[in-house]
Amino acid sequence: MVELAVIGGTGVYDPDILVDLREIEVETPYGPPVKLTTGIYEGKEVAFLPRHGSKHGVPPHKINYRANMAALKKIGVKRVYATAAVGSMNRDMKPGEAVLLDQFIDFTKSRITTYYDGGEAGVVHTDFTEPYCSELRGIMIAAAKEEGVILHERGTYICTEGPRFETSAEIRLFSSWGADVVGMTNVPEVTLARELGLCYCTIALVTNFAAGIAGKILTHQEVLEAMANNIINLRKLLARGIRNTGTATCRCSSFGTPVSLTRE
């Protein structure tokens, strides 16, 4: 059974650190089957899920987050490392540097962010005081030190709807709220992971300063180029993190409550 997964964001489309690759499709109640790749890294079976599809064909607001996370849960995944490309509002968090998220602000508008819609299941309110797994975060902090990779150990992520980039006024507002970085995908991925009782940790790579800070036009090509230029460090962190990840001793699984994983 696969207990560990990596979700690849922009610029991370293939599981190149894994061997003995096998492509699978997982049925869930939340839409078309989810395509995953499983493989082995140093004796551990790992699932890889490209968030935007293998060819970056799915925009942030169209990703089937509920199906993706349910598919991971269904095949036995308990712990998830996710990557994300972000713009920075914090001048101390520079392009090319990694940020380990510890808080988020949800500024999305039209996404389904929960599995719990009431009815027979009742009403569920899930604690998000610490939304990211403290144990996985600790593993990743240690991995960065071992690999000599610059990693900001804390950062608040604000999630926007996309696919457009933000306005300068929005960035000023987000900065006044205490956000450090901005992206388009971490919510509802992080909320669904918590509802499923999964350990979840996001390593964000700063690809650019956000709108109005760098004084230039933002392009998706710039984001892709920044990810390509820094993918080696991201792979180092993931490889070391996978190597050092063992059985969970954190509280994440206690937050989960029953969620349907099969079609009726």
C-alpha atoms as a PDB file:
ATOM      1  CA  MET A   1       0.000   0.000   0.000  1.00  0.00           C
ATOM      2  CA  VAL A   2       1.243   3.484  -0.899  1.00  0.00           C
ATOM      3  CA  GLU A   3       1.483   5.644   2.228  1.00  0.00           C
ATOM      4  CA  LEU A   4       3.461   8.622   0.887  1.00  0.00           C
ATOM      5  CA  ALA A   5       2.611  10.988  -1.971  1.00  0.00           C
ATOM      6  CA  VAL A   6       4.073  13.981  -3.770  1.00  0.00           C
ATOM      7  CA  ILE A   7       1.788  16.501  -5.463  1.00  0.00           C
ATOM      8  CA  GLY A   8       3.688  18.357  -8.156  1.00  0.00           C
ATOM      9  CA  GLY A   9       2.671  21.919  -8.896  1.00  0.00           C
ATOM     10  CA  THR A  10       3.728  24.224 -11.733  1.00  0.00           C
ATOM     11  CA  GLY A  11       7.038  23.048 -13.198  1.00  0.00           C
ATOM     12  CA  VAL A  12       6.962  19.690 -11.406  1.00  0.00           C
ATOM     13  CA  TYR A  13       5.267  17.345 -13.847  1.00  0.00           C
ATOM     14  CA  ASP A  14       7.136  14.054 -13.625  1.00  0.00           C
ATOM     15  CA  PRO A  15       8.281  11.715 -10.830  1.00  0.00           C
ATOM     16  CA  ASP A  16      11.893  11.580 -11.978  1.00  0.00           C
ATOM     17  CA  ILE A  17      13.303  10.542  -8.585  1.00  0.00           C
ATOM     18  CA  LEU A  18      11.191   7.361  -8.616  1.00  0.00           C
ATOM     19  CA  VAL A  19      11.890   3.982 -10.258  1.00  0.00           C
ATOM     20  CA  ASP A  20       9.643   1.049 -11.205  1.00  0.00           C
ATOM     21  CA  LEU A  21       6.950   3.446 -12.346  1.00  0.00           C
ATOM     22  CA  ARG A  22       3.360   2.322 -12.736  1.00  0.00           C
ATOM     23  CA  GLU A  23       0.459   4.434 -13.986  1.00  0.00           C
ATOM     24  CA  ILE A  24      -2.917   3.879 -12.361  1.00  0.00           C
ATOM     25  CA  GLU A  25      -6.405   5.369 -12.489  1.00  0.00           C
ATOM     26  CA  VAL A  26      -8.400   5.736  -9.288  1.00  0.00           C
ATOM     27  CA  GLU A  27     -12.190   5.992  -9.204  1.00  0.00           C
ATOM     28  CA  THR A  28     -13.798   8.354  -6.685  1.00  0.00           C
ATOM     29  CA  PRO A  29     -17.330   9.775  -6.246  1.00  0.00           C
ATOM     30  CA  TYR A  30     -16.099  13.216  -7.289  1.00  0.00           C
ATOM     31  CA  GLY A  31     -15.726  13.035 -11.070  1.00  0.00           C
ATOM     32  CA  PRO A  32     -13.606  11.292 -13.709  1.00  0.00           C
ATOM     33  CA  PRO A  33     -10.893   8.831 -12.582  1.00  0.00           C
ATOM     34  CA  VAL A  34      -7.713  10.401 -11.232  1.00  0.00           C
ATOM     35  CA  LYS A  35      -4.489   9.479 -13.047  1.00  0.00           C
ATOM     36  CA  LEU A  36      -1.559   8.809 -10.723  1.00  0.00           C
ATOM     37  CA  THR A  37       1.932   7.391 -11.029  1.00  0.00           C
ATOM     38  CA  THR A  38       3.411   5.170  -8.351  1.00  0.00           C
ATOM     39  CA  GLY A  39       7.060   4.249  -7.991  1.00  0.00           C
ATOM     40  CA  ILE A  40       9.840   3.400  -5.586  1.00  0.00           C
ATOM     41  CA  TYR A  41      12.382   5.668  -3.911  1.00  0.00           C
ATOM     42  CA  GLU A  42      14.938   3.980  -1.658  1.00  0.00           C
ATOM     43  CA  GLY A  43      12.585   1.123  -0.908  1.00  0.00           C
ATOM     44  CA  LYS A  44       9.539   3.305  -0.233  1.00  0.00           C
ATOM     45  CA  GLU A  45       6.497   3.222  -2.481  1.00  0.00           C
ATOM     46  CA  VAL A  46       5.452   6.757  -3.408  1.00  0.00           C
ATOM     47  CA  ALA A  47       2.516   8.129  -5.403  1.00  0.00           C
ATOM     48  CA  PHE A  48       3.006  11.129  -7.682  1.00  0.00           C
ATOM     49  CA  LEU A  49       0.151  13.395  -8.755  1.00  0.00           C
ATOM     50  CA  PRO A  50       0.740  16.306 -11.191  1.00  0.00           C
ATOM     51  CA  ARG A  51      -1.764  18.873  -9.948  1.00  0.00           C
ATOM     52  CA  HIS A  52      -2.238  20.543 -13.342  1.00  0.00           C
ATOM     53  CA  GLY A  53      -1.945  17.335 -15.365  1.00  0.00           C
ATOM     54  CA  SER A  54       1.202  15.962 -16.994  1.00  0.00           C
ATOM     55  CA  LYS A  55       1.186  18.726 -19.628  1.00  0.00           C
ATOM     56  CA  HIS A  56      -0.094  21.578 -17.436  1.00  0.00           C
ATOM     57  CA  GLY A  57      -3.492  21.512 -19.108  1.00  0.00           C
ATOM     58  CA  VAL A  58      -5.711  22.169 -16.076  1.00  0.00           C
ATOM     59  CA  PRO A  59      -5.894  25.763 -14.723  1.00  0.00           C
ATOM     60  CA  PRO A  60      -6.073  26.366 -10.952  1.00  0.00           C
ATOM     61  CA  HIS A  61      -9.815  27.050 -10.812  1.00  0.00           C
ATOM     62  CA  LYS A  62     -10.629  23.877 -12.788  1.00  0.00           C
ATOM     63  CA  ILE A  63      -8.584  21.364 -10.783  1.00  0.00           C
ATOM     64  CA  ASN A  64     -10.744  18.634  -9.257  1.00  0.00           C
ATOM     65  CA  TYR A  65      -9.232  18.944  -5.795  1.00  0.00           C
ATOM     66  CA  ARG A  66     -11.791  16.699  -4.096  1.00  0.00           C
ATOM     67  CA  ALA A  67     -11.167  13.855  -6.536  1.00  0.00           C
ATOM     68  CA  ASN A  68      -7.384  14.237  -6.305  1.00  0.00           C
ATOM     69  CA  MET A  69      -7.235  14.070  -2.523  1.00  0.00           C
ATOM     70  CA  ALA A  70      -9.848  11.318  -2.283  1.00  0.00           C
ATOM     71  CA  ALA A  71      -7.846   9.242  -4.775  1.00  0.00           C
ATOM     72  CA  LEU A  72      -4.711   9.529  -2.646  1.00  0.00           C
ATOM     73  CA  LYS A  73      -6.640   8.538   0.455  1.00  0.00           C
ATOM     74  CA  LYS A  74      -8.245   5.602  -1.352  1.00  0.00           C
ATOM     75  CA  ILE A  75      -4.918   4.014  -2.355  1.00  0.00           C
ATOM     76  CA  GLY A  76      -3.665   4.238   1.217  1.00  0.00           C
ATOM     77  CA  VAL A  77      -1.729   7.515   1.293  1.00  0.00           C
ATOM     78  CA  LYS A  78      -1.281   8.983   4.760  1.00  0.00           C
ATOM     79  CA  ARG A  79       1.376  11.670   4.229  1.00  0.00           C
ATOM     80  CA  VAL A  80       1.635  14.236   1.429  1.00  0.00           C
ATOM     81  CA  TYR A  81       4.374  16.604   0.312  1.00  0.00           C
ATOM     82  CA  ALA A  82       3.082  19.249  -2.117  1.00  0.00           C
ATOM     83  CA  THR A  83       5.003  21.787  -4.189  1.00  0.00           C
ATOM     84  CA  ALA A  84       3.761  25.204  -5.257  1.00  0.00           C
ATOM     85  CA  ALA A  85       5.015  28.130  -7.309  1.00  0.00           C
ATOM     86  CA  VAL A  86       4.384  31.447  -5.555  1.00  0.00           C
ATOM     87  CA  GLY A  87       4.853  35.157  -5.910  1.00  0.00           C
ATOM     88  CA  SER A  88       6.420  36.950  -2.952  1.00  0.00           C
ATOM     89  CA  MET A  89       5.163  40.002  -1.072  1.00  0.00           C
ATOM     90  CA  ASN A  90       7.948  39.684   1.477  1.00  0.00           C
ATOM     91  CA  ARG A  91      11.224  41.148   0.242  1.00  0.00           C
ATOM     92  CA  ASP A  92      13.113  38.748   2.509  1.00  0.00           C
ATOM     93  CA  MET A  93      11.652  35.849   0.491  1.00  0.00           C
ATOM     94  CA  LYS A  94      13.403  36.235  -2.835  1.00  0.00           C
ATOM     95  CA  PRO A  95      12.916  34.524  -6.196  1.00  0.00           C
ATOM     96  CA  GLY A  96      14.656  31.162  -6.208  1.00  0.00           C
ATOM     97  CA  GLU A  97      14.183  30.623  -2.473  1.00  0.00           C
ATOM     98  CA  ALA A  98      11.887  28.055  -0.876  1.00  0.00           C
ATOM     99  CA  VAL A  99       9.240  28.784   1.748  1.00  0.00           C
ATOM    100  CA  LEU A 100       7.726  26.184   4.063  1.00  0.00           C
ATOM    101  CA  LEU A 101       4.116  27.233   4.551  1.00  0.00           C
ATOM    102  CA  ASP A 102       2.715  27.305   8.084  1.00  0.00           C
ATOM    103  CA  GLN A 103      -0.495  29.343   7.597  1.00  0.00           C
ATOM    104  CA  PHE A 104      -2.889  30.227   4.792  1.00  0.00           C
ATOM    105  CA  ILE A 105      -5.552  32.813   3.960  1.00  0.00           C
ATOM    106  CA  ASP A 106      -8.375  31.736   1.649  1.00  0.00           C
ATOM    107  CA  PHE A 107      -9.267  34.388  -0.936  1.00  0.00           C
ATOM    108  CA  THR A 108     -10.870  31.978  -3.404  1.00  0.00           C
ATOM    109  CA  LYS A 109     -14.446  32.611  -4.476  1.00  0.00           C
ATOM    110  CA  SER A 110     -16.049  29.690  -6.284  1.00  0.00           C
ATOM    111  CA  ARG A 111     -14.308  26.481  -5.226  1.00  0.00           C
ATOM    112  CA  ILE A 112     -15.727  23.572  -3.291  1.00  0.00           C
ATOM    113  CA  THR A 113     -13.500  23.519  -0.230  1.00  0.00           C
ATOM    114  CA  THR A 114     -14.997  20.662   1.782  1.00  0.00           C
ATOM    115  CA  TYR A 115     -16.310  17.105   1.605  1.00  0.00           C
ATOM    116  CA  TYR A 116     -18.977  17.893   4.186  1.00  0.00           C
ATOM    117  CA  ASP A 117     -22.262  19.154   2.781  1.00  0.00           C
ATOM    118  CA  GLY A 118     -24.525  18.267   5.685  1.00  0.00           C
ATOM    119  CA  GLY A 119     -27.423  15.875   5.224  1.00  0.00           C
ATOM    120  CA  GLU A 120     -27.127  12.479   6.892  1.00  0.00           C
ATOM    121  CA  ALA A 121     -23.445  13.103   7.604  1.00  0.00           C
ATOM    122  CA  GLY A 122     -24.380  16.093   9.738  1.00  0.00           C
ATOM    123  CA  VAL A 123     -22.371  19.275  10.100  1.00  0.00           C
ATOM    124  CA  VAL A 124     -18.599  19.050  10.548  1.00  0.00           C
ATOM    125  CA  HIS A 125     -16.324  21.872  11.708  1.00  0.00           C
ATOM    126  CA  THR A 126     -12.622  21.018  11.376  1.00  0.00           C
ATOM    127  CA  ASP A 127      -9.847  22.667  13.393  1.00  0.00           C
ATOM    128  CA  PHE A 128      -7.294  24.616  11.330  1.00  0.00           C
ATOM    129  CA  THR A 129      -5.265  26.326  14.033  1.00  0.00           C
ATOM    130  CA  GLU A 130      -2.170  24.699  12.519  1.00  0.00           C
ATOM    131  CA  PRO A 131      -3.200  23.749   8.979  1.00  0.00           C
ATOM    132  CA  TYR A 132       0.049  22.063   7.925  1.00  0.00           C
ATOM    133  CA  CYS A 133       1.530  18.940   9.509  1.00  0.00           C
ATOM    134  CA  SER A 134       4.108  20.010  12.099  1.00  0.00           C
ATOM    135  CA  GLU A 135       5.929  16.695  11.808  1.00  0.00           C
ATOM    136  CA  LEU A 136       6.370  16.867   8.025  1.00  0.00           C
ATOM    137  CA  ARG A 137       7.404  20.497   8.347  1.00  0.00           C
ATOM    138  CA  GLY A 138      10.080  19.471  10.840  1.00  0.00           C
ATOM    139  CA  ILE A 139      11.336  16.795   8.459  1.00  0.00           C
ATOM    140  CA  MET A 140      11.562  19.322   5.637  1.00  0.00           C
ATOM    141  CA  ILE A 141      13.378  21.897   7.792  1.00  0.00           C
ATOM    142  CA  ALA A 142      15.968  19.257   8.659  1.00  0.00           C
ATOM    143  CA  ALA A 143      16.204  18.232   4.988  1.00  0.00           C
ATOM    144  CA  ALA A 144      16.992  21.803   3.933  1.00  0.00           C
ATOM    145  CA  LYS A 145      19.803  22.035   6.477  1.00  0.00           C
ATOM    146  CA  GLU A 146      21.231  18.685   5.400  1.00  0.00           C
ATOM    147  CA  GLU A 147      21.115  19.647   1.717  1.00  0.00           C
ATOM    148  CA  GLY A 148      22.248  23.255   2.165  1.00  0.00           C
ATOM    149  CA  VAL A 149      19.086  24.648   0.549  1.00  0.00           C
ATOM    150  CA  ILE A 150      17.752  28.077   1.544  1.00  0.00           C
ATOM    151  CA  LEU A 151      14.365  27.463   3.158  1.00  0.00           C
ATOM    152  CA  HIS A 152      12.273  30.035   5.005  1.00  0.00           C
ATOM    153  CA  GLU A 153      10.806  27.962   7.825  1.00  0.00           C
ATOM    154  CA  ARG A 154       7.522  29.874   8.056  1.00  0.00           C
ATOM    155  CA  GLY A 155       5.321  31.683   5.601  1.00  0.00           C
ATOM    156  CA  THR A 156       1.680  32.704   5.231  1.00  0.00           C
ATOM    157  CA  TYR A 157       0.183  31.842   1.845  1.00  0.00           C
ATOM    158  CA  ILE A 158      -2.844  33.601   0.415  1.00  0.00           C
ATOM    159  CA  CYS A 159      -4.750  31.667  -2.228  1.00  0.00           C
ATOM    160  CA  THR A 160      -6.488  33.526  -5.046  1.00  0.00           C
ATOM    161  CA  GLU A 161      -8.941  32.177  -7.612  1.00  0.00           C
ATOM    162  CA  GLY A 162      -6.804  32.594 -10.715  1.00  0.00           C
ATOM    163  CA  PRO A 163      -6.073  32.045 -13.463  1.00  0.00           C
ATOM    164  CA  ARG A 164      -5.260  35.748 -13.743  1.00  0.00           C
ATOM    165  CA  PHE A 165      -2.445  37.242 -11.725  1.00  0.00           C
ATOM    166  CA  GLU A 166      -3.302  39.666  -8.927  1.00  0.00           C
ATOM    167  CA  THR A 167      -3.578  43.452  -9.175  1.00  0.00           C
ATOM    168  CA  SER A 168      -1.133  45.729  -7.384  1.00  0.00           C
ATOM    169  CA  ALA A 169      -3.974  46.869  -5.105  1.00  0.00           C
ATOM    170  CA  GLU A 170      -4.764  43.279  -4.154  1.00  0.00           C
ATOM    171  CA  ILE A 171      -1.129  42.628  -3.337  1.00  0.00           C
ATOM    172  CA  ARG A 172      -1.004  45.710  -1.099  1.00  0.00           C
ATOM    173  CA  LEU A 173      -4.131  44.457   0.675  1.00  0.00           C
ATOM    174  CA  PHE A 174      -2.778  40.924   1.086  1.00  0.00           C
ATOM    175  CA  SER A 175       0.487  42.256   2.441  1.00  0.00           C
ATOM    176  CA  SER A 176      -1.377  44.361   5.018  1.00  0.00           C
ATOM    177  CA  TRP A 177      -3.125  41.170   6.147  1.00  0.00           C
ATOM    178  CA  GLY A 178       0.192  39.522   6.895  1.00  0.00           C
ATOM    179  CA  ALA A 179       0.510  37.304   3.824  1.00  0.00           C
ATOM    180  CA  ASP A 180       4.042  36.544   2.642  1.00  0.00           C
ATOM    181  CA  VAL A 181       3.398  34.722  -0.624  1.00  0.00           C
ATOM    182  CA  VAL A 182       0.545  34.340  -3.085  1.00  0.00           C
ATOM    183  CA  GLY A 183      -0.563  31.420  -5.222  1.00  0.00           C
ATOM    184  CA  MET A 184      -3.630  29.824  -6.776  1.00  0.00           C
ATOM    185  CA  THR A 185      -3.754  26.172  -5.692  1.00  0.00           C
ATOM    186  CA  ASN A 186      -3.066  25.475  -2.018  1.00  0.00           C
ATOM    187  CA  VAL A 187      -6.723  25.957  -1.096  1.00  0.00           C
ATOM    188  CA  PRO A 188      -8.706  23.723  -1.037  1.00  0.00           C
ATOM    189  CA  GLU A 189      -5.974  21.091  -1.272  1.00  0.00           C
ATOM    190  CA  VAL A 190      -4.833  21.753   2.282  1.00  0.00           C
ATOM    191  CA  THR A 191      -8.370  21.839   3.695  1.00  0.00           C
ATOM    192  CA  LEU A 192      -9.392  18.588   2.025  1.00  0.00           C
ATOM    193  CA  ALA A 193      -6.231  16.879   3.250  1.00  0.00           C
ATOM    194  CA  ARG A 194      -7.105  17.850   6.819  1.00  0.00           C
ATOM    195  CA  GLU A 195     -10.682  16.595   6.456  1.00  0.00           C
ATOM    196  CA  LEU A 196      -9.308  13.252   5.242  1.00  0.00           C
ATOM    197  CA  GLY A 197      -6.896  13.052   8.171  1.00  0.00           C
ATOM    198  CA  LEU A 198      -3.820  13.247   5.931  1.00  0.00           C
ATOM    199  CA  CYS A 199      -0.498  14.752   6.965  1.00  0.00           C
ATOM    200  CA  TYR A 200       0.073  17.578   4.477  1.00  0.00           C
ATOM    201  CA  CYS A 201       3.047  19.891   3.945  1.00  0.00           C
ATOM    202  CA  THR A 202       3.718  22.436   1.183  1.00  0.00           C
ATOM    203  CA  ILE A 203       7.120  23.534  -0.077  1.00  0.00           C
ATOM    204  CA  ALA A 204       6.589  26.766  -2.019  1.00  0.00           C
ATOM    205  CA  LEU A 205       9.198  28.052  -4.453  1.00  0.00           C
ATOM    206  CA  VAL A 206       9.284  31.817  -4.983  1.00  0.00           C
ATOM    207  CA  THR A 207       9.331  32.431  -8.729  1.00  0.00           C
ATOM    208  CA  ASN A 208       8.893  36.212  -8.749  1.00  0.00           C
ATOM    209  CA  PHE A 209       7.953  39.211  -6.656  1.00  0.00           C
ATOM    210  CA  ALA A 210       4.204  39.836  -6.767  1.00  0.00           C
ATOM    211  CA  ALA A 211       2.429  42.509  -8.815  1.00  0.00           C
ATOM    212  CA  GLY A 212       3.594  46.051  -8.165  1.00  0.00           C
ATOM    213  CA  ILE A 213       6.674  45.014  -6.186  1.00  0.00           C
ATOM    214  CA  ALA A 214       9.122  44.127  -8.960  1.00  0.00           C
ATOM    215  CA  GLY A 215       7.900  46.931 -11.214  1.00  0.00           C
ATOM    216  CA  LYS A 216       7.423  44.726 -14.280  1.00  0.00           C
ATOM    217  CA  ILE A 217       4.756  42.756 -16.101  1.00  0.00           C
ATOM    218  CA  LEU A 218       4.119  39.241 -14.760  1.00  0.00           C
ATOM    219  CA  THR A 219       4.061  36.296 -17.160  1.00  0.00           C
ATOM    220  CA  HIS A 220       3.498  32.562 -16.773  1.00  0.00           C
ATOM    221  CA  GLN A 221       6.664  31.963 -18.796  1.00  0.00           C
ATOM    222  CA  GLU A 222       8.656  33.748 -16.093  1.00  0.00           C
ATOM    223  CA  VAL A 223       7.182  31.381 -13.523  1.00  0.00           C
ATOM    224  CA  LEU A 224       8.069  28.310 -15.600  1.00  0.00           C
ATOM    225  CA  GLU A 225      11.628  29.516 -16.168  1.00  0.00           C
ATOM    226  CA  ALA A 226      12.143  30.221 -12.465  1.00  0.00           C
ATOM    227  CA  MET A 227      10.892  26.744 -11.567  1.00  0.00           C
ATOM    228  CA  ALA A 228      13.172  25.155 -14.169  1.00  0.00           C
ATOM    229  CA  ASN A 229      16.176  27.077 -12.853  1.00  0.00           C
ATOM    230  CA  ASN A 230      15.556  25.940  -9.284  1.00  0.00           C
ATOM    231  CA  ILE A 231      14.087  22.468  -9.732  1.00  0.00           C
ATOM    232  CA  ILE A 232      17.298  20.789  -8.543  1.00  0.00           C
ATOM    233  CA  ASN A 233      16.958  22.234  -5.036  1.00  0.00           C
ATOM    234  CA  LEU A 234      13.295  21.263  -4.913  1.00  0.00           C
ATOM    235  CA  ARG A 235      14.164  17.698  -5.895  1.00  0.00           C
ATOM    236  CA  LYS A 236      16.856  17.596  -3.218  1.00  0.00           C
ATOM    237  CA  LEU A 237      14.327  18.607  -0.576  1.00  0.00           C
ATOM    238  CA  LEU A 238      11.744  16.087  -1.736  1.00  0.00           C
ATOM    239  CA  ALA A 239      14.253  13.244  -1.977  1.00  0.00           C
ATOM    240  CA  ARG A 240      15.664  13.921   1.470  1.00  0.00           C
ATOM    241  CA  GLY A 241      12.179  14.408   2.895  1.00  0.00           C
ATOM    242  CA  ILE A 242      10.945  11.101   1.494  1.00  0.00           C
ATOM    243  CA  ARG A 243      14.047   9.345   2.798  1.00  0.00           C
ATOM    244  CA  ASN A 244      13.507  10.728   6.301  1.00  0.00           C
ATOM    245  CA  THR A 245       9.723  10.274   6.499  1.00  0.00           C
ATOM    246  CA  GLY A 246       8.572   7.449   8.733  1.00  0.00           C
ATOM    247  CA  THR A 247       5.416   6.463  10.538  1.00  0.00           C
ATOM    248  CA  ALA A 248       3.339   9.425  11.694  1.00  0.00           C
ATOM    249  CA  THR A 249       3.318  10.358  15.372  1.00  0.00           C
ATOM    250  CA  CYS A 250       1.434  13.653  14.838  1.00  0.00           C
ATOM    251  CA  ARG A 251      -2.265  14.472  15.369  1.00  0.00           C
ATOM    252  CA  CYS A 252      -3.268  14.853  11.715  1.00  0.00           C
ATOM    253  CA  SER A 253      -5.141  11.561  11.418  1.00  0.00           C
ATOM    254  CA  SER A 254      -7.302  12.503  14.411  1.00  0.00           C
ATOM    255  CA  PHE A 255      -8.825  15.431  12.485  1.00  0.00           C
ATOM    256  CA  GLY A 256     -10.289  13.202   9.778  1.00  0.00           C
ATOM    257  CA  THR A 257     -13.887  11.990   9.795  1.00  0.00           C
ATOM    258  CA  PRO A 258     -15.500   9.470   7.407  1.00  0.00           C
ATOM    259  CA  VAL A 259     -15.615  10.595   3.760  1.00  0.00           C
ATOM    260  CA  SER A 260     -17.066   8.542   0.902  1.00  0.00           C
ATOM    261  CA  LEU A 261     -14.302   7.246  -1.380  1.00  0.00           C
ATOM    262  CA  THR A 262     -16.356   4.957  -3.634  1.00  0.00           C
ATOM    263  CA  ARG A 263     -19.138   5.509  -6.127  1.00  0.00           C
ATOM    264  CA  GLU A 264     -22.572   4.442  -4.952  1.00  0.00           C
END
